[in-house]
Amino acid sequence: MHLTADQTRTVVYDRWYLAELSRNEAKRKARLAPAAGEREARQSRRIDKREADPRAALAAAINAGRDSYAALSRMLGRNDGYLRRFVTDGTPIALKPDEHRRLADYFGLDERGLGVRDLWALADRRAGR
């Protein structure tokens, strides 16, 4: 069987195209599948559920007291809905450390009582100390 020049070009192009498709598919799969190191790093960033949740701890402290979310937000120099949004909507993701400190001082609690995680204790627990 003898191929013309156009047919030969088509066959060569088809082989190249199929090889290119398989290379791109392999690259895509490598991008989507996390490496073992990435998977371990992602697991180490997970929140330790045994510790107090900052939102739940703050909500309990506010509901037990006589002040409103709006009054405490104004005490922090924020708009009236700031703490309400933090507790109910999760915005912002975390309060600033000085805001946590001021709220803990106001309620007469330790910062960990309002759900601030002790990162050193967490590292010691993971190291088995």
N, C-alpha and C. Protein backbone atom coordinates (compact mmCIF):
# COMPACT_ATOMS: atom_id res chain seq x y z
N MET A 1 0.85 -1.17 0.00
CA MET A 1 0.00 0.00 0.00
C MET A 1 0.90 1.23 0.00
N HIS A 2 0.61 2.11 -0.91
CA HIS A 2 1.42 3.31 -1.07
C HIS A 2 0.56 4.54 -0.72
N LEU A 3 1.09 5.40 0.17
CA LEU A 3 0.36 6.58 0.61
C LEU A 3 0.85 7.80 -0.15
N THR A 4 -0.06 8.71 -0.41
CA THR A 4 0.34 9.97 -1.02
C THR A 4 0.93 10.87 0.06
N ALA A 5 1.50 11.97 -0.35
CA ALA A 5 2.11 12.90 0.60
C ALA A 5 1.07 13.45 1.57
N ASP A 6 -0.12 13.77 1.07
CA ASP A 6 -1.18 14.28 1.95
C ASP A 6 -1.62 13.23 2.96
N GLN A 7 -1.74 11.99 2.53
CA GLN A 7 -2.14 10.92 3.44
C GLN A 7 -1.07 10.68 4.51
N THR A 8 0.21 10.76 4.11
CA THR A 8 1.30 10.58 5.05
C THR A 8 1.27 11.66 6.11
N ARG A 9 1.07 12.91 5.69
CA ARG A 9 0.97 14.02 6.65
C ARG A 9 -0.18 13.80 7.61
N THR A 10 -1.29 13.31 7.12
CA THR A 10 -2.46 13.08 7.97
C THR A 10 -2.16 12.00 9.01
N VAL A 11 -1.51 10.93 8.60
CA VAL A 11 -1.19 9.85 9.53
C VAL A 11 -0.21 10.35 10.60
N VAL A 12 0.81 11.08 10.19
CA VAL A 12 1.79 11.61 11.15
C VAL A 12 1.12 12.58 12.11
N TYR A 13 0.27 13.46 11.58
CA TYR A 13 -0.44 14.41 12.43
C TYR A 13 -1.36 13.68 13.41
N ASP A 14 -2.08 12.66 12.96
CA ASP A 14 -2.98 11.92 13.83
C ASP A 14 -2.21 11.25 14.97
N ARG A 15 -1.05 10.67 14.67
CA ARG A 15 -0.24 10.04 15.72
C ARG A 15 0.23 11.09 16.72
N TRP A 16 0.68 12.25 16.21
CA TRP A 16 1.14 13.32 17.10
C TRP A 16 -0.01 13.81 17.96
N TYR A 17 -1.19 13.98 17.34
CA TYR A 17 -2.34 14.49 18.06
C TYR A 17 -2.75 13.54 19.18
N LEU A 18 -2.78 12.24 18.90
CA LEU A 18 -3.15 11.26 19.92
C LEU A 18 -2.12 11.23 21.05
N ALA A 19 -0.84 11.34 20.71
CA ALA A 19 0.20 11.38 21.75
C ALA A 19 0.05 12.64 22.60
N GLU A 20 -0.25 13.76 21.96
CA GLU A 20 -0.44 15.03 22.68
C GLU A 20 -1.65 14.94 23.62
N LEU A 21 -2.71 14.32 23.16
CA LEU A 21 -3.89 14.14 24.02
C LEU A 21 -3.56 13.32 25.25
N SER A 22 -2.83 12.23 25.09
CA SER A 22 -2.51 11.39 26.24
C SER A 22 -1.56 12.12 27.19
N ARG A 23 -0.61 12.93 26.67
CA ARG A 23 0.28 13.71 27.53
C ARG A 23 -0.51 14.73 28.34
N ASN A 24 -1.44 15.41 27.68
CA ASN A 24 -2.26 16.41 28.38
C ASN A 24 -3.15 15.76 29.44
N GLU A 25 -3.68 14.58 29.15
CA GLU A 25 -4.52 13.88 30.11
C GLU A 25 -3.69 13.48 31.34
N ALA A 26 -2.46 13.03 31.11
CA ALA A 26 -1.59 12.66 32.23
C ALA A 26 -1.25 13.87 33.08
N LYS A 27 -0.99 15.02 32.45
CA LYS A 27 -0.71 16.25 33.19
C LYS A 27 -1.92 16.67 34.02
N ARG A 28 -3.11 16.56 33.45
CA ARG A 28 -4.34 16.95 34.15
C ARG A 28 -4.57 16.06 35.37
N LYS A 29 -4.36 14.76 35.21
CA LYS A 29 -4.54 13.84 36.33
C LYS A 29 -3.53 14.12 37.44
N ALA A 30 -2.28 14.45 37.05
CA ALA A 30 -1.25 14.76 38.05
C ALA A 30 -1.60 16.03 38.81
N ARG A 31 -2.22 16.99 38.12
CA ARG A 31 -2.63 18.24 38.78
C ARG A 31 -3.77 18.01 39.75
N LEU A 32 -4.70 17.16 39.37
CA LEU A 32 -5.90 16.95 40.19
C LEU A 32 -5.64 16.04 41.39
N ALA A 33 -4.77 15.06 41.25
CA ALA A 33 -4.50 14.14 42.35
C ALA A 33 -3.46 14.74 43.28
N PRO A 34 -3.80 14.96 44.56
CA PRO A 34 -2.81 15.54 45.48
C PRO A 34 -1.72 14.53 45.79
N ALA A 35 -0.52 15.02 45.91
CA ALA A 35 0.61 14.17 46.28
C ALA A 35 0.46 13.74 47.74
N ALA A 36 1.17 12.70 48.13
CA ALA A 36 1.05 12.19 49.50
C ALA A 36 1.45 13.26 50.52
N GLY A 37 2.47 14.03 50.24
CA GLY A 37 2.91 15.09 51.14
C GLY A 37 1.86 16.18 51.29
N GLU A 38 1.20 16.51 50.17
CA GLU A 38 0.14 17.53 50.22
C GLU A 38 -1.03 17.03 51.06
N ARG A 39 -1.37 15.75 50.91
CA ARG A 39 -2.49 15.18 51.65
C ARG A 39 -2.20 15.24 53.16
N GLU A 40 -0.97 14.89 53.56
CA GLU A 40 -0.61 14.94 54.97
C GLU A 40 -0.63 16.38 55.50
N ALA A 41 -0.15 17.32 54.68
CA ALA A 41 -0.14 18.72 55.09
C ALA A 41 -1.56 19.22 55.27
N ARG A 42 -2.47 18.82 54.37
CA ARG A 42 -3.85 19.25 54.47
C ARG A 42 -4.50 18.69 55.74
N GLN A 43 -4.18 17.44 56.08
CA GLN A 43 -4.74 16.85 57.29
C GLN A 43 -4.21 17.53 58.54
N SER A 44 -2.94 17.98 58.51
CA SER A 44 -2.39 18.63 59.70
C SER A 44 -2.97 20.02 59.91
N ARG A 45 -3.56 20.63 58.85
CA ARG A 45 -4.16 21.96 58.98
C ARG A 45 -5.59 21.89 59.49
N ARG A 46 -6.16 20.70 59.58
CA ARG A 46 -7.54 20.58 60.03
C ARG A 46 -7.67 21.06 61.47
N ILE A 47 -8.84 21.59 61.78
CA ILE A 47 -9.10 22.10 63.12
C ILE A 47 -9.32 20.92 64.06
N ASP A 48 -8.71 21.00 65.21
CA ASP A 48 -8.89 19.99 66.24
C ASP A 48 -10.24 20.23 66.89
N LYS A 49 -11.18 19.34 66.67
CA LYS A 49 -12.55 19.52 67.16
C LYS A 49 -12.66 19.36 68.67
N ARG A 50 -11.61 18.83 69.32
CA ARG A 50 -11.68 18.67 70.77
C ARG A 50 -11.57 19.99 71.49
N GLU A 51 -11.09 21.01 70.81
CA GLU A 51 -10.94 22.32 71.44
C GLU A 51 -12.21 23.14 71.20
N ALA A 52 -12.37 24.18 72.00
CA ALA A 52 -13.59 24.99 71.92
C ALA A 52 -13.68 25.70 70.57
N ASP A 53 -14.88 25.77 70.05
CA ASP A 53 -15.14 26.50 68.81
C ASP A 53 -15.28 27.98 69.17
N PRO A 54 -14.50 28.86 68.55
CA PRO A 54 -14.57 30.28 68.91
C PRO A 54 -15.96 30.88 68.75
N ARG A 55 -16.67 30.50 67.70
CA ARG A 55 -18.00 31.07 67.46
C ARG A 55 -18.99 30.62 68.55
N ALA A 56 -18.96 29.32 68.85
CA ALA A 56 -19.89 28.79 69.87
C ALA A 56 -19.55 29.35 71.24
N ALA A 57 -18.26 29.45 71.56
CA ALA A 57 -17.85 29.97 72.86
C ALA A 57 -18.25 31.44 73.01
N LEU A 58 -18.06 32.22 71.95
CA LEU A 58 -18.44 33.64 72.00
C LEU A 58 -19.96 33.79 72.10
N ALA A 59 -20.69 32.99 71.34
CA ALA A 59 -22.16 33.06 71.41
C ALA A 59 -22.66 32.71 72.80
N ALA A 60 -22.07 31.70 73.42
CA ALA A 60 -22.48 31.31 74.77
C ALA A 60 -22.19 32.42 75.78
N ALA A 61 -21.01 33.05 75.63
CA ALA A 61 -20.65 34.13 76.56
C ALA A 61 -21.58 35.33 76.39
N ILE A 62 -21.92 35.67 75.16
CA ILE A 62 -22.79 36.82 74.91
C ILE A 62 -24.21 36.53 75.39
N ASN A 63 -24.70 35.32 75.10
CA ASN A 63 -26.07 34.97 75.50
C ASN A 63 -26.21 34.87 77.02
N ALA A 64 -25.11 34.50 77.71
CA ALA A 64 -25.17 34.41 79.17
C ALA A 64 -25.12 35.78 79.84
N GLY A 65 -24.56 36.77 79.13
CA GLY A 65 -24.44 38.12 79.70
C GLY A 65 -25.65 38.98 79.39
N ARG A 66 -25.53 40.25 79.73
CA ARG A 66 -26.65 41.16 79.52
C ARG A 66 -26.45 42.05 78.31
N ASP A 67 -25.25 42.01 77.68
CA ASP A 67 -24.97 42.88 76.54
C ASP A 67 -25.34 42.22 75.22
N SER A 68 -25.61 43.08 74.25
CA SER A 68 -26.01 42.58 72.93
C SER A 68 -24.79 42.46 72.02
N TYR A 69 -24.99 41.77 70.92
CA TYR A 69 -23.94 41.66 69.91
C TYR A 69 -23.55 43.05 69.41
N ALA A 70 -24.53 43.90 69.19
CA ALA A 70 -24.27 45.24 68.66
C ALA A 70 -23.44 46.08 69.63
N ALA A 71 -23.77 46.01 70.91
CA ALA A 71 -23.03 46.79 71.90
C ALA A 71 -21.58 46.33 71.98
N LEU A 72 -21.37 45.02 71.95
CA LEU A 72 -20.00 44.50 72.00
C LEU A 72 -19.23 44.82 70.73
N SER A 73 -19.93 44.80 69.59
CA SER A 73 -19.27 45.19 68.33
C SER A 73 -18.83 46.64 68.38
N ARG A 74 -19.69 47.51 68.93
CA ARG A 74 -19.32 48.93 69.06
C ARG A 74 -18.15 49.10 70.03
N MET A 75 -18.10 48.26 71.07
CA MET A 75 -16.98 48.31 72.01
C MET A 75 -15.65 48.02 71.30
N LEU A 76 -15.71 47.16 70.28
CA LEU A 76 -14.51 46.83 69.51
C LEU A 76 -14.20 47.86 68.43
N GLY A 77 -15.10 48.84 68.29
CA GLY A 77 -14.90 49.85 67.25
C GLY A 77 -15.35 49.38 65.88
N ARG A 78 -16.27 48.44 65.85
CA ARG A 78 -16.79 47.88 64.59
C ARG A 78 -18.25 48.26 64.44
N ASN A 79 -18.81 47.93 63.26
CA ASN A 79 -20.23 48.22 63.05
C ASN A 79 -21.09 47.26 63.87
N ASP A 80 -22.37 47.58 64.00
CA ASP A 80 -23.26 46.85 64.91
C ASP A 80 -23.38 45.36 64.59
N GLY A 81 -23.30 44.98 63.34
CA GLY A 81 -23.51 43.59 62.97
C GLY A 81 -22.25 42.74 62.92
N TYR A 82 -21.12 43.29 63.34
CA TYR A 82 -19.83 42.60 63.17
C TYR A 82 -19.79 41.25 63.92
N LEU A 83 -20.07 41.25 65.21
CA LEU A 83 -20.00 40.00 65.97
C LEU A 83 -21.14 39.05 65.61
N ARG A 84 -22.30 39.58 65.29
CA ARG A 84 -23.42 38.73 64.87
C ARG A 84 -23.05 37.97 63.59
N ARG A 85 -22.45 38.68 62.63
CA ARG A 85 -22.02 38.03 61.38
C ARG A 85 -20.91 37.01 61.64
N PHE A 86 -20.01 37.33 62.58
CA PHE A 86 -18.94 36.39 62.91
C PHE A 86 -19.51 35.08 63.45
N VAL A 87 -20.50 35.19 64.34
CA VAL A 87 -21.06 33.99 64.97
C VAL A 87 -21.97 33.23 64.01
N THR A 88 -22.84 33.93 63.30
CA THR A 88 -23.84 33.23 62.48
C THR A 88 -23.36 32.92 61.07
N ASP A 89 -22.69 33.85 60.41
CA ASP A 89 -22.30 33.67 59.01
C ASP A 89 -20.86 33.20 58.83
N GLY A 90 -20.05 33.35 59.86
CA GLY A 90 -18.65 32.94 59.73
C GLY A 90 -17.78 33.97 59.04
N THR A 91 -18.23 35.22 59.02
CA THR A 91 -17.46 36.30 58.39
C THR A 91 -17.14 37.33 59.45
N PRO A 92 -15.93 37.65 59.70
CA PRO A 92 -14.68 37.15 59.13
C PRO A 92 -14.39 35.73 59.62
N ILE A 93 -13.39 35.11 59.03
CA ILE A 93 -13.04 33.74 59.40
C ILE A 93 -12.57 33.69 60.85
N ALA A 94 -11.83 34.69 61.27
CA ALA A 94 -11.35 34.74 62.66
C ALA A 94 -11.30 36.19 63.11
N LEU A 95 -11.50 36.40 64.40
CA LEU A 95 -11.35 37.73 64.96
C LEU A 95 -9.87 38.04 65.11
N LYS A 96 -9.55 39.31 65.13
CA LYS A 96 -8.15 39.69 65.36
C LYS A 96 -7.77 39.36 66.80
N PRO A 97 -6.49 39.04 67.04
CA PRO A 97 -6.07 38.67 68.40
C PRO A 97 -6.40 39.73 69.45
N ASP A 98 -6.26 41.01 69.11
CA ASP A 98 -6.57 42.04 70.11
C ASP A 98 -8.07 42.09 70.39
N GLU A 99 -8.91 41.78 69.40
CA GLU A 99 -10.35 41.73 69.64
C GLU A 99 -10.71 40.57 70.56
N HIS A 100 -10.08 39.43 70.34
CA HIS A 100 -10.29 38.28 71.23
C HIS A 100 -9.88 38.62 72.66
N ARG A 101 -8.73 39.29 72.79
CA ARG A 101 -8.23 39.66 74.11
C ARG A 101 -9.20 40.60 74.82
N ARG A 102 -9.69 41.61 74.10
CA ARG A 102 -10.62 42.57 74.70
C ARG A 102 -11.92 41.89 75.13
N LEU A 103 -12.43 40.99 74.29
CA LEU A 103 -13.66 40.29 74.66
C LEU A 103 -13.42 39.36 75.86
N ALA A 104 -12.28 38.67 75.87
CA ALA A 104 -11.98 37.78 77.00
C ALA A 104 -11.85 38.59 78.29
N ASP A 105 -11.19 39.74 78.22
CA ASP A 105 -11.07 40.60 79.40
C ASP A 105 -12.43 41.09 79.86
N TYR A 106 -13.28 41.44 78.91
CA TYR A 106 -14.61 41.96 79.24
C TYR A 106 -15.43 40.89 79.96
N PHE A 107 -15.38 39.66 79.46
CA PHE A 107 -16.17 38.59 80.06
C PHE A 107 -15.46 37.95 81.26
N GLY A 108 -14.22 38.35 81.53
CA GLY A 108 -13.47 37.79 82.64
C GLY A 108 -13.04 36.35 82.39
N LEU A 109 -12.78 36.02 81.13
CA LEU A 109 -12.38 34.67 80.76
C LEU A 109 -10.95 34.66 80.26
N ASP A 110 -10.36 33.47 80.25
CA ASP A 110 -9.08 33.27 79.58
C ASP A 110 -9.36 33.27 78.07
N GLU A 111 -8.37 33.62 77.26
CA GLU A 111 -8.60 33.63 75.81
C GLU A 111 -9.01 32.25 75.31
N ARG A 112 -8.47 31.21 75.92
CA ARG A 112 -8.85 29.85 75.51
C ARG A 112 -10.29 29.56 75.87
N GLY A 113 -10.82 30.27 76.85
CA GLY A 113 -12.23 30.12 77.21
C GLY A 113 -13.14 30.64 76.12
N LEU A 114 -12.64 31.55 75.29
CA LEU A 114 -13.40 32.03 74.13
C LEU A 114 -13.01 31.29 72.85
N GLY A 115 -12.29 30.18 72.98
CA GLY A 115 -12.02 29.35 71.83
C GLY A 115 -10.75 29.67 71.08
N VAL A 116 -9.87 30.51 71.63
CA VAL A 116 -8.60 30.76 70.97
C VAL A 116 -7.73 29.54 71.22
N ARG A 117 -7.22 28.98 70.15
CA ARG A 117 -6.44 27.75 70.27
C ARG A 117 -5.02 28.04 70.72
N ASP A 118 -4.52 27.22 71.63
CA ASP A 118 -3.15 27.32 72.09
C ASP A 118 -2.28 26.51 71.12
N LEU A 119 -1.62 27.19 70.20
CA LEU A 119 -0.87 26.50 69.16
C LEU A 119 0.31 25.73 69.73
N TRP A 120 0.89 26.20 70.83
CA TRP A 120 2.01 25.47 71.41
C TRP A 120 1.52 24.16 72.02
N ALA A 121 0.38 24.18 72.67
CA ALA A 121 -0.15 22.94 73.25
C ALA A 121 -0.51 21.96 72.15
N LEU A 122 -1.02 22.46 71.03
CA LEU A 122 -1.36 21.61 69.90
C LEU A 122 -0.11 20.96 69.32
N ALA A 123 0.98 21.72 69.22
CA ALA A 123 2.23 21.18 68.69
C ALA A 123 2.80 20.14 69.66
N ASP A 124 2.69 20.39 70.97
CA ASP A 124 3.18 19.42 71.96
C ASP A 124 2.37 18.13 71.89
N ARG A 125 1.06 18.25 71.70
CA ARG A 125 0.21 17.07 71.63
C ARG A 125 0.56 16.23 70.40
N ARG A 126 0.82 16.89 69.28
CA ARG A 126 1.18 16.16 68.06
C ARG A 126 2.55 15.50 68.18
N ALA A 127 3.44 16.13 68.93
CA ALA A 127 4.79 15.57 69.11
C ALA A 127 4.78 14.46 70.16
N GLY A 128 3.68 14.29 70.85
CA GLY A 128 3.55 13.23 71.85
C GLY A 128 4.16 13.58 73.20
N ARG A 129 4.25 14.86 73.49
CA ARG A 129 4.82 15.30 74.78
C ARG A 129 3.78 15.41 75.84
